[in-house]
Amino acid sequence: MHGYGQDKVALQRRMKRVEGQVRGIARMIDEDRYCIDVLTQISAATSALESVALTLLEDHLGHCVSDAIHEGGDTANAKLREANDAIRRLVRS
């Protein structure tokens, strides 16, 4: 089981809400809604995705990386590199 196993149902619920938000944004564009209103909804959807990403990252650090550090050696180094790369991607987005 992945580190987010305990949060899986909550994450799935959040992603369904994000999916609904994105469909709503597409509908707003179809309806030629005011640009600022569309941008506000895009910002909300982005924040929701970031929240999911941070939850996954926290779980990964607390479970996968922690376990690898206890194991030590190359496994620990690989998991730390992987976590650093994930953080770097999140910060860039």
Protein backbone atom coordinates (compact mmCIF):
# COMPACT_ATOMS: atom_id res chain seq x y z
CA MET A 1 0.00 0.00 0.00
CA HIS A 2 1.20 3.51 -0.79
CA GLY A 3 1.65 6.10 1.94
CA TYR A 4 -1.58 7.85 0.98
CA GLY A 5 -3.66 4.72 1.55
CA GLN A 6 -5.27 6.16 4.67
CA ASP A 7 -6.20 9.36 2.81
CA LYS A 8 -7.32 7.68 -0.41
CA VAL A 9 -11.06 8.27 0.02
CA ALA A 10 -10.54 11.93 0.98
CA LEU A 11 -8.16 12.43 -1.95
CA GLN A 12 -10.64 10.84 -4.35
CA ARG A 13 -13.38 13.17 -3.05
CA ARG A 14 -11.13 16.20 -3.51
CA MET A 15 -10.24 15.14 -7.03
CA LYS A 16 -13.94 14.73 -7.90
CA ARG A 17 -14.50 18.30 -6.70
CA VAL A 18 -11.56 19.52 -8.79
CA GLU A 19 -12.97 17.64 -11.78
CA GLY A 20 -16.29 19.43 -11.25
CA GLN A 21 -14.50 22.78 -10.94
CA VAL A 22 -12.66 22.22 -14.22
CA ARG A 23 -15.89 21.24 -15.99
CA GLY A 24 -17.45 24.40 -14.55
CA ILE A 25 -14.58 26.49 -15.90
CA ALA A 26 -15.03 24.99 -19.36
CA ARG A 27 -18.75 25.78 -19.14
CA MET A 28 -17.95 29.36 -18.09
CA ILE A 29 -15.76 29.75 -21.17
CA ASP A 30 -18.49 28.25 -23.38
CA GLU A 31 -20.89 30.80 -21.92
CA ASP A 32 -18.46 33.70 -22.51
CA ARG A 33 -18.36 34.56 -18.81
CA TYR A 34 -16.34 37.50 -17.53
CA CYS A 35 -12.58 36.86 -17.70
CA ILE A 36 -11.91 37.69 -14.05
CA ASP A 37 -14.62 35.25 -12.92
CA VAL A 38 -13.01 32.50 -15.01
CA LEU A 39 -9.57 33.34 -13.66
CA THR A 40 -10.91 33.23 -10.10
CA GLN A 41 -12.24 29.72 -10.68
CA ILE A 42 -8.97 28.64 -12.29
CA SER A 43 -7.15 29.90 -9.21
CA ALA A 44 -9.50 27.91 -6.95
CA ALA A 45 -8.97 24.72 -8.97
CA THR A 46 -5.20 25.25 -8.93
CA SER A 47 -5.25 25.69 -5.14
CA ALA A 48 -7.30 22.52 -4.76
CA LEU A 49 -4.80 20.55 -6.88
CA GLU A 50 -1.91 22.00 -4.89
CA SER A 51 -3.62 20.85 -1.69
CA VAL A 52 -3.88 17.31 -3.05
CA ALA A 53 -0.24 17.43 -4.14
CA LEU A 54 0.92 18.61 -0.72
CA THR A 55 -1.08 15.87 1.00
CA LEU A 56 0.52 13.26 -1.27
CA LEU A 57 3.98 14.73 -0.69
CA GLU A 58 3.48 14.74 3.09
CA ASP A 59 2.34 11.12 3.01
CA HIS A 60 5.27 10.18 0.76
CA LEU A 61 7.77 11.79 3.11
CA GLY A 62 6.16 10.27 6.18
CA HIS A 63 5.86 6.79 4.76
CA CYS A 64 8.04 5.96 1.76
CA VAL A 65 10.99 8.23 2.50
CA SER A 66 10.91 7.48 6.22
CA ASP A 67 10.94 3.73 5.56
CA ALA A 68 13.81 4.11 3.08
CA ILE A 69 15.86 6.13 5.55
CA HIS A 70 15.44 3.38 8.14
CA GLU A 71 16.61 0.92 5.49
CA GLY A 72 19.57 3.18 4.67
CA GLY A 73 22.13 2.94 1.88
CA ASP A 74 21.28 3.38 -1.79
CA THR A 75 17.55 2.98 -1.16
CA ALA A 76 17.54 5.98 1.19
CA ASN A 77 19.56 8.08 -1.23
CA ALA A 78 17.27 7.19 -4.13
CA LYS A 79 14.10 8.05 -2.17
CA LEU A 80 15.58 11.36 -1.00
CA ARG A 81 16.50 12.25 -4.59
CA GLU A 82 13.03 11.26 -5.73
CA ALA A 83 11.43 13.45 -3.04
CA ASN A 84 13.70 16.38 -3.91
CA ASP A 85 12.75 16.06 -7.58
CA ALA A 86 9.05 15.96 -6.70
CA ILE A 87 9.39 19.07 -4.54
CA ARG A 88 11.29 20.83 -7.32
CA ARG A 89 8.48 20.03 -9.80
CA LEU A 90 5.83 21.30 -7.38
CA VAL A 91 7.69 24.53 -6.71
CA ARG A 92 8.07 25.19 -10.46
CA SER A 93 4.38 24.74 -11.16
